[in-house]
Amino acid sequence: MSDSERFTRTWHVSAGRGYDTAWGEFTGDRMRAHGRAMGLEGGPYWVAYELETGPGYVTRALRVAVDGPGHRARAVELLRDDEGRWSVDGQERADLAGALDCDLGLCPLTNTMPVRRHGLHLAREAGTGRRFLMAWVSVPDLAVVASEQTYTPLGGGRVGYASGSFRSDVAFDGDGLVRDYPGLAEELAAGPAGGSGG
């Protein structure tokens, strides 16, 4: 019997005045997903992304493409090898060394990896924050920068997120997927268990 679990989620992304739908699959401690998003803030624009992790939900690859009126079509590919080296469009990025995760701007899905890895959404009470270095990809320009972020379990499926001056208490479901991210996004619909990955 397979230990895979498929998921579909759609979020209203208030920060970008748009929507994001992700289709994916958890297999053991790995995740594969792809998604489509659109935004009106600084747009309109459309985003397509593919994400693959290795064991421990550590990013292996993120591929993102953006297009839309007034936006030159562009794409970016982030890869992380087994030695922890990151490359962006084939160029090594030493500033990302030590990062385990990518973080796609305005995409609630990419909060899932550190949350599931450390079981932060399952904590019954508040705990100590964990600091992470992320390979953050801004949307719609697709610039890639190193980003320091802190995730703090608050109990009851909530996790405090902090980066720079931004703070938000994010609600996650039992699968470690965002339900409500004040200031960024809110889930609109959850697909049925075992739904098609598209």
N, C-alpha and C. Protein backbone atom coordinates (compact mmCIF):
# COMPACT_ATOMS: atom_id res chain seq x y z
N MET A 1 0.84 -1.19 0.00
CA MET A 1 0.00 0.00 0.00
C MET A 1 0.88 1.25 0.00
N SER A 2 0.58 2.20 -0.85
CA SER A 2 1.39 3.41 -0.99
C SER A 2 1.21 4.30 0.23
N ASP A 3 2.33 4.98 0.63
CA ASP A 3 2.24 5.94 1.73
C ASP A 3 2.13 7.35 1.19
N SER A 4 1.74 7.49 -0.07
CA SER A 4 1.60 8.81 -0.68
C SER A 4 0.25 9.42 -0.36
N GLU A 5 0.24 10.71 -0.23
CA GLU A 5 -0.99 11.46 0.03
C GLU A 5 -1.01 12.67 -0.89
N ARG A 6 -2.01 12.72 -1.74
CA ARG A 6 -2.15 13.85 -2.66
C ARG A 6 -2.96 14.98 -2.02
N PHE A 7 -2.69 16.19 -2.49
CA PHE A 7 -3.44 17.33 -1.97
C PHE A 7 -3.66 18.36 -3.08
N THR A 8 -4.69 19.14 -2.90
CA THR A 8 -4.98 20.31 -3.73
C THR A 8 -5.41 21.44 -2.80
N ARG A 9 -4.83 22.60 -2.97
CA ARG A 9 -5.23 23.75 -2.16
C ARG A 9 -5.32 24.99 -3.05
N THR A 10 -6.30 25.83 -2.77
CA THR A 10 -6.41 27.12 -3.44
C THR A 10 -6.48 28.21 -2.37
N TRP A 11 -5.68 29.25 -2.58
CA TRP A 11 -5.64 30.37 -1.63
C TRP A 11 -6.00 31.67 -2.34
N HIS A 12 -6.71 32.54 -1.62
CA HIS A 12 -6.83 33.92 -2.05
C HIS A 12 -5.61 34.64 -1.50
N VAL A 13 -4.78 35.16 -2.37
CA VAL A 13 -3.53 35.81 -1.97
C VAL A 13 -3.78 37.32 -1.92
N SER A 14 -4.18 37.79 -0.76
CA SER A 14 -4.54 39.20 -0.63
C SER A 14 -3.35 40.11 -0.86
N ALA A 15 -2.15 39.67 -0.48
CA ALA A 15 -0.96 40.51 -0.63
C ALA A 15 -0.64 40.81 -2.09
N GLY A 16 -1.04 39.90 -2.99
CA GLY A 16 -0.78 40.12 -4.41
C GLY A 16 -2.04 40.39 -5.22
N ARG A 17 -3.18 40.50 -4.49
CA ARG A 17 -4.48 40.69 -5.14
C ARG A 17 -4.70 39.62 -6.20
N GLY A 18 -4.57 38.36 -5.77
CA GLY A 18 -4.71 37.27 -6.72
C GLY A 18 -5.04 35.95 -6.05
N TYR A 19 -4.72 34.87 -6.73
CA TYR A 19 -5.04 33.52 -6.29
C TYR A 19 -3.88 32.59 -6.61
N ASP A 20 -3.81 31.48 -5.86
CA ASP A 20 -2.78 30.48 -6.07
C ASP A 20 -3.40 29.12 -5.83
N THR A 21 -3.21 28.20 -6.76
CA THR A 21 -3.63 26.81 -6.58
C THR A 21 -2.42 25.91 -6.70
N ALA A 22 -2.27 25.00 -5.73
CA ALA A 22 -1.17 24.04 -5.74
C ALA A 22 -1.73 22.63 -5.74
N TRP A 23 -1.12 21.77 -6.54
CA TRP A 23 -1.41 20.35 -6.57
C TRP A 23 -0.13 19.63 -6.17
N GLY A 24 -0.22 18.69 -5.26
CA GLY A 24 1.01 18.05 -4.83
C GLY A 24 0.80 16.70 -4.21
N GLU A 25 1.90 16.15 -3.72
CA GLU A 25 1.89 14.82 -3.14
C GLU A 25 2.98 14.72 -2.08
N PHE A 26 2.61 14.20 -0.91
CA PHE A 26 3.57 13.83 0.12
C PHE A 26 3.85 12.35 0.00
N THR A 27 5.12 11.99 -0.03
CA THR A 27 5.51 10.59 -0.04
C THR A 27 6.59 10.43 1.02
N GLY A 28 6.24 9.79 2.14
CA GLY A 28 7.17 9.73 3.25
C GLY A 28 7.48 11.15 3.71
N ASP A 29 8.78 11.49 3.73
CA ASP A 29 9.16 12.85 4.14
C ASP A 29 9.63 13.67 2.94
N ARG A 30 8.99 13.46 1.81
CA ARG A 30 9.27 14.21 0.59
C ARG A 30 7.99 14.85 0.07
N MET A 31 8.15 15.89 -0.72
CA MET A 31 6.99 16.55 -1.33
C MET A 31 7.33 16.93 -2.77
N ARG A 32 6.38 16.71 -3.63
CA ARG A 32 6.44 17.21 -5.01
C ARG A 32 5.16 17.98 -5.26
N ALA A 33 5.26 19.12 -5.95
CA ALA A 33 4.07 19.93 -6.20
C ALA A 33 4.29 20.82 -7.41
N HIS A 34 3.18 21.23 -7.99
CA HIS A 34 3.21 22.28 -9.00
C HIS A 34 2.01 23.18 -8.76
N GLY A 35 2.12 24.39 -9.27
CA GLY A 35 1.05 25.32 -9.02
C GLY A 35 0.93 26.39 -10.09
N ARG A 36 -0.20 27.08 -10.02
CA ARG A 36 -0.48 28.20 -10.92
C ARG A 36 -1.03 29.33 -10.07
N ALA A 37 -0.56 30.53 -10.35
CA ALA A 37 -1.01 31.69 -9.58
C ALA A 37 -1.17 32.88 -10.50
N MET A 38 -1.96 33.85 -10.04
CA MET A 38 -2.07 35.11 -10.75
C MET A 38 -2.14 36.23 -9.73
N GLY A 39 -1.69 37.39 -10.15
CA GLY A 39 -1.74 38.55 -9.27
C GLY A 39 -2.03 39.81 -10.04
N LEU A 40 -2.67 40.75 -9.38
CA LEU A 40 -2.97 42.05 -9.98
C LEU A 40 -2.06 43.15 -9.45
N GLU A 41 -1.49 42.92 -8.25
CA GLU A 41 -0.59 43.92 -7.67
C GLU A 41 0.70 43.95 -8.49
N GLY A 42 0.93 45.11 -9.16
CA GLY A 42 2.09 45.19 -10.05
C GLY A 42 1.90 44.39 -11.32
N GLY A 43 0.68 44.00 -11.63
CA GLY A 43 0.39 43.13 -12.76
C GLY A 43 -0.60 43.75 -13.72
N PRO A 44 -1.40 42.88 -14.37
CA PRO A 44 -1.58 41.47 -14.05
C PRO A 44 -0.40 40.61 -14.51
N TYR A 45 -0.22 39.49 -13.81
CA TYR A 45 0.81 38.53 -14.19
C TYR A 45 0.34 37.13 -13.80
N TRP A 46 0.94 36.15 -14.43
CA TRP A 46 0.65 34.75 -14.16
C TRP A 46 1.94 34.04 -13.78
N VAL A 47 1.85 33.12 -12.84
CA VAL A 47 3.01 32.39 -12.35
C VAL A 47 2.75 30.90 -12.48
N ALA A 48 3.75 30.16 -12.94
CA ALA A 48 3.72 28.70 -12.93
C ALA A 48 4.95 28.22 -12.18
N TYR A 49 4.78 27.25 -11.28
CA TYR A 49 5.93 26.78 -10.52
C TYR A 49 5.89 25.27 -10.33
N GLU A 50 7.08 24.70 -10.17
CA GLU A 50 7.25 23.28 -9.86
C GLU A 50 8.25 23.17 -8.72
N LEU A 51 7.92 22.34 -7.75
CA LEU A 51 8.75 22.20 -6.55
C LEU A 51 8.99 20.73 -6.28
N GLU A 52 10.23 20.40 -5.93
CA GLU A 52 10.58 19.03 -5.56
C GLU A 52 11.50 19.07 -4.35
N THR A 53 11.22 18.25 -3.36
CA THR A 53 12.11 18.14 -2.22
C THR A 53 12.71 16.74 -2.16
N GLY A 54 13.79 16.63 -1.40
CA GLY A 54 14.36 15.34 -1.06
C GLY A 54 13.89 14.94 0.32
N PRO A 55 14.59 14.00 0.97
CA PRO A 55 14.22 13.59 2.33
C PRO A 55 14.25 14.77 3.29
N GLY A 56 13.36 14.72 4.29
CA GLY A 56 13.29 15.79 5.27
C GLY A 56 12.70 17.07 4.72
N TYR A 57 12.03 16.98 3.58
CA TYR A 57 11.41 18.13 2.92
C TYR A 57 12.44 19.21 2.56
N VAL A 58 13.69 18.80 2.34
CA VAL A 58 14.74 19.73 1.94
C VAL A 58 14.64 19.96 0.44
N THR A 59 14.63 21.21 0.03
CA THR A 59 14.45 21.56 -1.39
C THR A 59 15.52 20.93 -2.26
N ARG A 60 15.07 20.37 -3.36
CA ARG A 60 15.99 19.93 -4.42
C ARG A 60 15.90 20.85 -5.63
N ALA A 61 14.67 21.24 -5.98
CA ALA A 61 14.50 22.07 -7.17
C ALA A 61 13.25 22.92 -7.06
N LEU A 62 13.37 24.15 -7.52
CA LEU A 62 12.22 25.03 -7.70
C LEU A 62 12.37 25.70 -9.05
N ARG A 63 11.35 25.56 -9.88
CA ARG A 63 11.33 26.20 -11.20
C ARG A 63 10.11 27.09 -11.27
N VAL A 64 10.33 28.35 -11.65
CA VAL A 64 9.24 29.33 -11.67
C VAL A 64 9.28 30.10 -12.98
N ALA A 65 8.12 30.33 -13.57
CA ALA A 65 8.00 31.14 -14.77
C ALA A 65 6.91 32.18 -14.55
N VAL A 66 7.15 33.40 -15.03
CA VAL A 66 6.19 34.50 -14.91
C VAL A 66 5.95 35.11 -16.27
N ASP A 67 4.72 35.47 -16.54
CA ASP A 67 4.37 36.11 -17.81
C ASP A 67 3.15 36.99 -17.58
N GLY A 68 2.94 37.94 -18.48
CA GLY A 68 1.75 38.78 -18.40
C GLY A 68 1.95 40.10 -19.11
N PRO A 69 0.87 40.80 -19.43
CA PRO A 69 0.98 42.09 -20.08
C PRO A 69 1.84 43.04 -19.25
N GLY A 70 2.79 43.66 -19.91
CA GLY A 70 3.68 44.57 -19.21
C GLY A 70 4.82 43.89 -18.50
N HIS A 71 4.86 42.56 -18.54
CA HIS A 71 5.94 41.80 -17.91
C HIS A 71 6.63 40.95 -18.98
N ARG A 72 7.91 41.17 -19.12
CA ARG A 72 8.68 40.31 -20.02
C ARG A 72 8.67 38.90 -19.45
N ALA A 73 8.36 37.91 -20.29
CA ALA A 73 8.35 36.52 -19.83
C ALA A 73 9.72 36.18 -19.27
N ARG A 74 9.74 35.60 -18.09
CA ARG A 74 11.01 35.25 -17.46
C ARG A 74 10.83 33.96 -16.68
N ALA A 75 11.94 33.31 -16.39
CA ALA A 75 11.92 32.07 -15.63
C ALA A 75 13.18 31.98 -14.80
N VAL A 76 13.12 31.19 -13.73
CA VAL A 76 14.29 30.97 -12.88
C VAL A 76 14.26 29.53 -12.39
N GLU A 77 15.45 28.95 -12.24
CA GLU A 77 15.58 27.58 -11.73
C GLU A 77 16.56 27.59 -10.57
N LEU A 78 16.07 27.14 -9.41
CA LEU A 78 16.92 26.97 -8.24
C LEU A 78 17.14 25.48 -8.02
N LEU A 79 18.40 25.10 -7.80
CA LEU A 79 18.74 23.71 -7.53
C LEU A 79 19.61 23.66 -6.28
N ARG A 80 19.39 22.64 -5.46
CA ARG A 80 20.23 22.38 -4.29
C ARG A 80 20.73 20.96 -4.37
N ASP A 81 22.06 20.76 -4.31
CA ASP A 81 22.60 19.40 -4.42
C ASP A 81 22.75 18.76 -3.04
N ASP A 82 23.19 17.51 -3.01
CA ASP A 82 23.27 16.76 -1.75
C ASP A 82 24.32 17.30 -0.80
N GLU A 83 25.23 18.13 -1.31
CA GLU A 83 26.25 18.76 -0.45
C GLU A 83 25.79 20.13 0.06
N GLY A 84 24.56 20.52 -0.29
CA GLY A 84 24.03 21.78 0.20
C GLY A 84 24.39 22.98 -0.64
N ARG A 85 24.94 22.75 -1.83
CA ARG A 85 25.27 23.87 -2.72
C ARG A 85 24.04 24.25 -3.54
N TRP A 86 23.78 25.56 -3.60
CA TRP A 86 22.67 26.08 -4.38
C TRP A 86 23.19 26.69 -5.69
N SER A 87 22.39 26.55 -6.72
CA SER A 87 22.66 27.28 -7.96
C SER A 87 21.37 27.93 -8.43
N VAL A 88 21.53 29.06 -9.10
CA VAL A 88 20.40 29.78 -9.68
C VAL A 88 20.71 29.94 -11.16
N ASP A 89 19.89 29.31 -11.98
CA ASP A 89 20.11 29.31 -13.43
C ASP A 89 21.54 28.87 -13.76
N GLY A 90 22.02 27.85 -13.05
CA GLY A 90 23.31 27.26 -13.34
C GLY A 90 24.50 27.94 -12.68
N GLN A 91 24.27 29.06 -12.01
CA GLN A 91 25.35 29.78 -11.35
C GLN A 91 25.31 29.50 -9.84
N GLU A 92 26.46 29.04 -9.29
CA GLU A 92 26.49 28.74 -7.87
C GLU A 92 26.26 30.00 -7.05
N ARG A 93 25.51 29.83 -5.94
CA ARG A 93 25.18 30.96 -5.06
C ARG A 93 25.67 30.64 -3.65
N ALA A 94 26.88 31.08 -3.34
CA ALA A 94 27.46 30.81 -2.03
C ALA A 94 26.67 31.47 -0.91
N ASP A 95 25.97 32.57 -1.21
CA ASP A 95 25.21 33.27 -0.16
C ASP A 95 24.03 32.46 0.35
N LEU A 96 23.65 31.40 -0.38
CA LEU A 96 22.53 30.56 0.02
C LEU A 96 22.98 29.32 0.78
N ALA A 97 24.29 29.14 0.94
CA ALA A 97 24.81 27.97 1.65
C ALA A 97 24.23 27.93 3.05
N GLY A 98 23.78 26.77 3.47
CA GLY A 98 23.16 26.62 4.78
C GLY A 98 21.64 26.62 4.71
N ALA A 99 21.08 27.10 3.62
CA ALA A 99 19.62 27.08 3.46
C ALA A 99 19.15 25.67 3.10
N LEU A 100 18.06 25.25 3.69
CA LEU A 100 17.45 23.97 3.36
C LEU A 100 16.23 24.15 2.48
N ASP A 101 15.66 25.36 2.50
CA ASP A 101 14.38 25.59 1.85
C ASP A 101 14.42 26.75 0.87
N CYS A 102 13.60 26.63 -0.16
CA CYS A 102 13.26 27.78 -0.98
C CYS A 102 12.02 28.43 -0.38
N ASP A 103 11.76 29.67 -0.74
CA ASP A 103 10.55 30.37 -0.31
C ASP A 103 10.11 31.25 -1.47
N LEU A 104 9.05 30.82 -2.13
CA LEU A 104 8.53 31.56 -3.27
C LEU A 104 7.60 32.66 -2.77
N GLY A 105 7.90 33.89 -3.12
CA GLY A 105 7.10 35.02 -2.66
C GLY A 105 5.64 34.87 -3.01
N LEU A 106 4.76 35.22 -2.06
CA LEU A 106 3.30 35.20 -2.24
C LEU A 106 2.75 33.79 -2.45
N CYS A 107 3.55 32.76 -2.10
CA CYS A 107 3.12 31.37 -2.30
C CYS A 107 3.04 30.67 -0.95
N PRO A 108 1.84 30.44 -0.42
CA PRO A 108 1.72 29.80 0.89
C PRO A 108 2.32 28.40 0.94
N LEU A 109 2.40 27.70 -0.18
CA LEU A 109 2.88 26.33 -0.18
C LEU A 109 4.28 26.20 0.39
N THR A 110 5.16 27.17 0.11
CA THR A 110 6.55 26.99 0.50
C THR A 110 6.80 27.23 1.99
N ASN A 111 5.75 27.54 2.75
CA ASN A 111 5.88 27.54 4.22
C ASN A 111 5.77 26.13 4.78
N THR A 112 5.32 25.20 3.97
CA THR A 112 5.04 23.85 4.45
C THR A 112 6.30 23.07 4.82
N MET A 113 7.39 23.24 4.06
CA MET A 113 8.55 22.37 4.27
C MET A 113 9.15 22.49 5.67
N PRO A 114 9.50 23.69 6.17
CA PRO A 114 10.06 23.75 7.52
C PRO A 114 9.06 23.36 8.60
N VAL A 115 7.77 23.64 8.36
CA VAL A 115 6.74 23.32 9.33
C VAL A 115 6.59 21.81 9.48
N ARG A 116 6.53 21.09 8.37
CA ARG A 116 6.41 19.63 8.44
C ARG A 116 7.71 18.99 8.95
N ARG A 117 8.85 19.51 8.52
CA ARG A 117 10.12 18.93 8.93
C ARG A 117 10.26 18.90 10.45
N HIS A 118 9.83 19.98 11.10
CA HIS A 118 10.00 20.09 12.55
C HIS A 118 8.70 19.88 13.33
N GLY A 119 7.62 19.51 12.63
CA GLY A 119 6.36 19.26 13.30
C GLY A 119 5.81 20.47 14.05
N LEU A 120 6.07 21.66 13.53
CA LEU A 120 5.68 22.88 14.24
C LEU A 120 4.17 23.02 14.34
N HIS A 121 3.46 22.52 13.34
CA HIS A 121 1.99 22.62 13.33
C HIS A 121 1.34 21.65 14.31
N LEU A 122 2.10 20.72 14.84
CA LEU A 122 1.56 19.70 15.74
C LEU A 122 1.81 20.03 17.21
N ALA A 123 2.56 21.10 17.48
CA ALA A 123 2.86 21.47 18.87
C ALA A 123 1.57 21.78 19.63
N ARG A 124 1.49 21.31 20.85
CA ARG A 124 0.29 21.54 21.66
C ARG A 124 0.36 22.86 22.41
N GLU A 125 1.56 23.39 22.55
CA GLU A 125 1.70 24.67 23.26
C GLU A 125 2.85 25.45 22.64
N ALA A 126 2.98 26.70 23.04
CA ALA A 126 4.01 27.56 22.49
C ALA A 126 5.40 27.01 22.82
N GLY A 127 6.31 27.20 21.88
CA GLY A 127 7.66 26.70 22.06
C GLY A 127 8.69 27.71 21.58
N THR A 128 9.91 27.27 21.50
CA THR A 128 11.03 28.12 21.10
C THR A 128 11.06 28.28 19.59
N GLY A 129 11.34 29.49 19.13
CA GLY A 129 11.42 29.75 17.70
C GLY A 129 12.65 29.11 17.08
N ARG A 130 12.51 28.75 15.81
CA ARG A 130 13.61 28.19 15.02
C ARG A 130 13.97 29.18 13.92
N ARG A 131 15.25 29.45 13.78
CA ARG A 131 15.71 30.38 12.75
C ARG A 131 16.18 29.62 11.53
N PHE A 132 15.81 30.12 10.37
CA PHE A 132 16.15 29.48 9.11
C PHE A 132 16.73 30.50 8.14
N LEU A 133 17.59 30.01 7.27
CA LEU A 133 18.01 30.78 6.10
C LEU A 133 17.28 30.20 4.90
N MET A 134 16.61 31.06 4.15
CA MET A 134 15.81 30.62 3.00
C MET A 134 16.35 31.22 1.71
N ALA A 135 16.17 30.47 0.62
CA ALA A 135 16.43 31.01 -0.72
C ALA A 135 15.11 31.60 -1.20
N TRP A 136 14.95 32.92 -1.01
CA TRP A 136 13.67 33.58 -1.25
C TRP A 136 13.62 34.12 -2.68
N VAL A 137 12.51 33.85 -3.35
CA VAL A 137 12.30 34.27 -4.74
C VAL A 137 11.17 35.29 -4.76
N SER A 138 11.45 36.52 -5.14
CA SER A 138 10.41 37.55 -5.18
C SER A 138 9.58 37.41 -6.46
N VAL A 139 8.33 37.80 -6.36
CA VAL A 139 7.38 37.73 -7.46
C VAL A 139 6.78 39.12 -7.66
N PRO A 140 6.72 39.61 -8.91
CA PRO A 140 6.91 38.88 -10.16
C PRO A 140 8.30 38.97 -10.80
N ASP A 141 9.27 39.64 -10.16
CA ASP A 141 10.56 39.86 -10.85
C ASP A 141 11.49 38.67 -10.77
N LEU A 142 11.25 37.71 -9.86
CA LEU A 142 12.03 36.48 -9.72
C LEU A 142 13.48 36.70 -9.30
N ALA A 143 13.72 37.77 -8.56
CA ALA A 143 15.04 37.95 -7.95
C ALA A 143 15.19 36.94 -6.81
N VAL A 144 16.38 36.41 -6.64
CA VAL A 144 16.65 35.40 -5.61
C VAL A 144 17.62 35.97 -4.59
N VAL A 145 17.21 35.99 -3.32
CA VAL A 145 18.06 36.52 -2.26
C VAL A 145 18.01 35.59 -1.05
N ALA A 146 19.05 35.67 -0.21
CA ALA A 146 19.05 34.94 1.06
C ALA A 146 18.16 35.69 2.05
N SER A 147 17.30 34.95 2.76
CA SER A 147 16.34 35.56 3.67
C SER A 147 16.36 34.82 5.01
N GLU A 148 16.60 35.55 6.11
CA GLU A 148 16.53 34.96 7.44
C GLU A 148 15.10 35.04 7.95
N GLN A 149 14.59 33.90 8.42
CA GLN A 149 13.21 33.82 8.88
C GLN A 149 13.15 33.02 10.17
N THR A 150 12.16 33.32 10.99
CA THR A 150 11.95 32.60 12.25
C THR A 150 10.55 32.02 12.28
N TYR A 151 10.44 30.74 12.65
CA TYR A 151 9.17 30.06 12.81
C TYR A 151 9.05 29.63 14.28
N THR A 152 7.97 30.03 14.93
CA THR A 152 7.79 29.74 16.35
C THR A 152 6.47 29.01 16.57
N PRO A 153 6.50 27.77 17.08
CA PRO A 153 5.24 27.07 17.35
C PRO A 153 4.45 27.77 18.44
N LEU A 154 3.16 27.96 18.20
CA LEU A 154 2.30 28.65 19.15
C LEU A 154 1.26 27.72 19.75
N GLY A 155 1.16 26.49 19.24
CA GLY A 155 0.15 25.55 19.68
C GLY A 155 -1.14 25.71 18.89
N GLY A 156 -1.94 24.65 18.88
CA GLY A 156 -3.23 24.70 18.20
C GLY A 156 -3.13 24.89 16.71
N GLY A 157 -2.04 24.40 16.10
CA GLY A 157 -1.89 24.49 14.66
C GLY A 157 -1.42 25.85 14.17
N ARG A 158 -1.02 26.73 15.08
CA ARG A 158 -0.57 28.06 14.70
C ARG A 158 0.94 28.17 14.87
N VAL A 159 1.57 28.89 13.94
CA VAL A 159 3.01 29.09 13.95
C VAL A 159 3.29 30.56 13.71
N GLY A 160 4.08 31.17 14.57
CA GLY A 160 4.47 32.56 14.36
C GLY A 160 5.57 32.66 13.33
N TYR A 161 5.39 33.53 12.37
CA TYR A 161 6.38 33.74 11.31
C TYR A 161 6.94 35.16 11.44
N ALA A 162 8.26 35.27 11.29
CA ALA A 162 8.88 36.58 11.35
C ALA A 162 10.03 36.65 10.35
N SER A 163 10.09 37.76 9.62
CA SER A 163 11.21 38.03 8.72
C SER A 163 11.34 39.54 8.61
N GLY A 164 12.50 40.07 9.03
CA GLY A 164 12.66 41.51 9.06
C GLY A 164 11.62 42.11 10.00
N SER A 165 10.91 43.12 9.53
CA SER A 165 9.89 43.76 10.37
C SER A 165 8.52 43.10 10.23
N PHE A 166 8.39 42.10 9.34
CA PHE A 166 7.10 41.47 9.10
C PHE A 166 6.85 40.35 10.11
N ARG A 167 5.64 40.31 10.68
CA ARG A 167 5.23 39.28 11.63
C ARG A 167 3.83 38.81 11.27
N SER A 168 3.58 37.51 11.44
CA SER A 168 2.24 37.00 11.24
C SER A 168 2.10 35.68 11.99
N ASP A 169 0.93 35.44 12.59
CA ASP A 169 0.62 34.17 13.22
C ASP A 169 -0.19 33.35 12.22
N VAL A 170 0.43 32.31 11.70
CA VAL A 170 -0.11 31.55 10.58
C VAL A 170 -0.79 30.28 11.08
N ALA A 171 -2.00 30.00 10.57
CA ALA A 171 -2.73 28.78 10.92
C ALA A 171 -2.48 27.72 9.87
N PHE A 172 -2.11 26.52 10.32
CA PHE A 172 -1.86 25.38 9.43
C PHE A 172 -2.85 24.27 9.72
N ASP A 173 -3.15 23.47 8.69
CA ASP A 173 -4.00 22.30 8.91
C ASP A 173 -3.13 21.12 9.37
N GLY A 174 -3.75 19.97 9.53
CA GLY A 174 -3.03 18.80 10.02
C GLY A 174 -1.97 18.28 9.09
N ASP A 175 -2.03 18.69 7.81
CA ASP A 175 -1.02 18.29 6.84
C ASP A 175 0.14 19.27 6.77
N GLY A 176 0.08 20.34 7.57
CA GLY A 176 1.14 21.34 7.52
C GLY A 176 1.00 22.30 6.35
N LEU A 177 -0.21 22.44 5.83
CA LEU A 177 -0.50 23.37 4.74
C LEU A 177 -1.23 24.59 5.31
N VAL A 178 -0.93 25.75 4.76
CA VAL A 178 -1.48 27.00 5.27
C VAL A 178 -3.01 27.03 5.13
N ARG A 179 -3.68 27.39 6.24
CA ARG A 179 -5.12 27.65 6.21
C ARG A 179 -5.37 29.15 6.16
N ASP A 180 -4.68 29.88 7.05
CA ASP A 180 -4.88 31.32 7.14
C ASP A 180 -3.56 31.98 7.47
N TYR A 181 -3.13 32.89 6.60
CA TYR A 181 -1.84 33.59 6.76
C TYR A 181 -2.16 35.07 6.76
N PRO A 182 -2.50 35.65 7.92
CA PRO A 182 -2.88 37.07 7.96
C PRO A 182 -1.82 37.96 7.33
N GLY A 183 -2.28 38.84 6.45
CA GLY A 183 -1.37 39.72 5.73
C GLY A 183 -0.90 39.16 4.42
N LEU A 184 -1.17 37.88 4.15
CA LEU A 184 -0.72 37.28 2.90
C LEU A 184 -1.83 36.53 2.17
N ALA A 185 -2.39 35.49 2.81
CA ALA A 185 -3.30 34.62 2.06
C ALA A 185 -4.23 33.85 2.98
N GLU A 186 -5.33 33.38 2.39
CA GLU A 186 -6.30 32.56 3.11
C GLU A 186 -6.78 31.45 2.20
N GLU A 187 -6.87 30.23 2.74
CA GLU A 187 -7.34 29.09 1.95
C GLU A 187 -8.80 29.27 1.56
N LEU A 188 -9.10 29.01 0.29
CA LEU A 188 -10.48 29.07 -0.19
C LEU A 188 -11.14 27.71 -0.22
N ALA A 189 -10.38 26.71 -0.66
CA ALA A 189 -10.97 25.38 -0.79
C ALA A 189 -9.86 24.34 -0.69
N ALA A 190 -10.19 23.22 -0.07
CA ALA A 190 -9.27 22.10 -0.01
C ALA A 190 -9.81 20.99 -0.89
N GLY A 191 -8.95 20.45 -1.73
CA GLY A 191 -9.38 19.38 -2.62
C GLY A 191 -9.64 18.11 -1.84
N PRO A 192 -10.41 17.20 -2.38
CA PRO A 192 -10.68 15.93 -1.71
C PRO A 192 -9.40 15.11 -1.60
N ALA A 193 -9.32 14.29 -0.57
CA ALA A 193 -8.15 13.42 -0.41
C ALA A 193 -8.03 12.52 -1.63
N GLY A 194 -6.82 12.39 -2.13
CA GLY A 194 -6.61 11.55 -3.30
C GLY A 194 -6.99 12.21 -4.59
N GLY A 195 -7.23 13.53 -4.56
CA GLY A 195 -7.61 14.24 -5.77
C GLY A 195 -6.52 14.22 -6.81
N SER A 196 -6.88 14.47 -8.03
CA SER A 196 -5.91 14.42 -9.14
C SER A 196 -4.86 15.47 -8.99
N GLY A 197 -3.62 15.09 -9.31
CA GLY A 197 -2.52 16.05 -9.30
C GLY A 197 -2.44 16.84 -10.57
N GLY A 198 -3.34 16.61 -11.51
CA GLY A 198 -3.37 17.40 -12.74
C GLY A 198 -2.38 16.94 -13.75
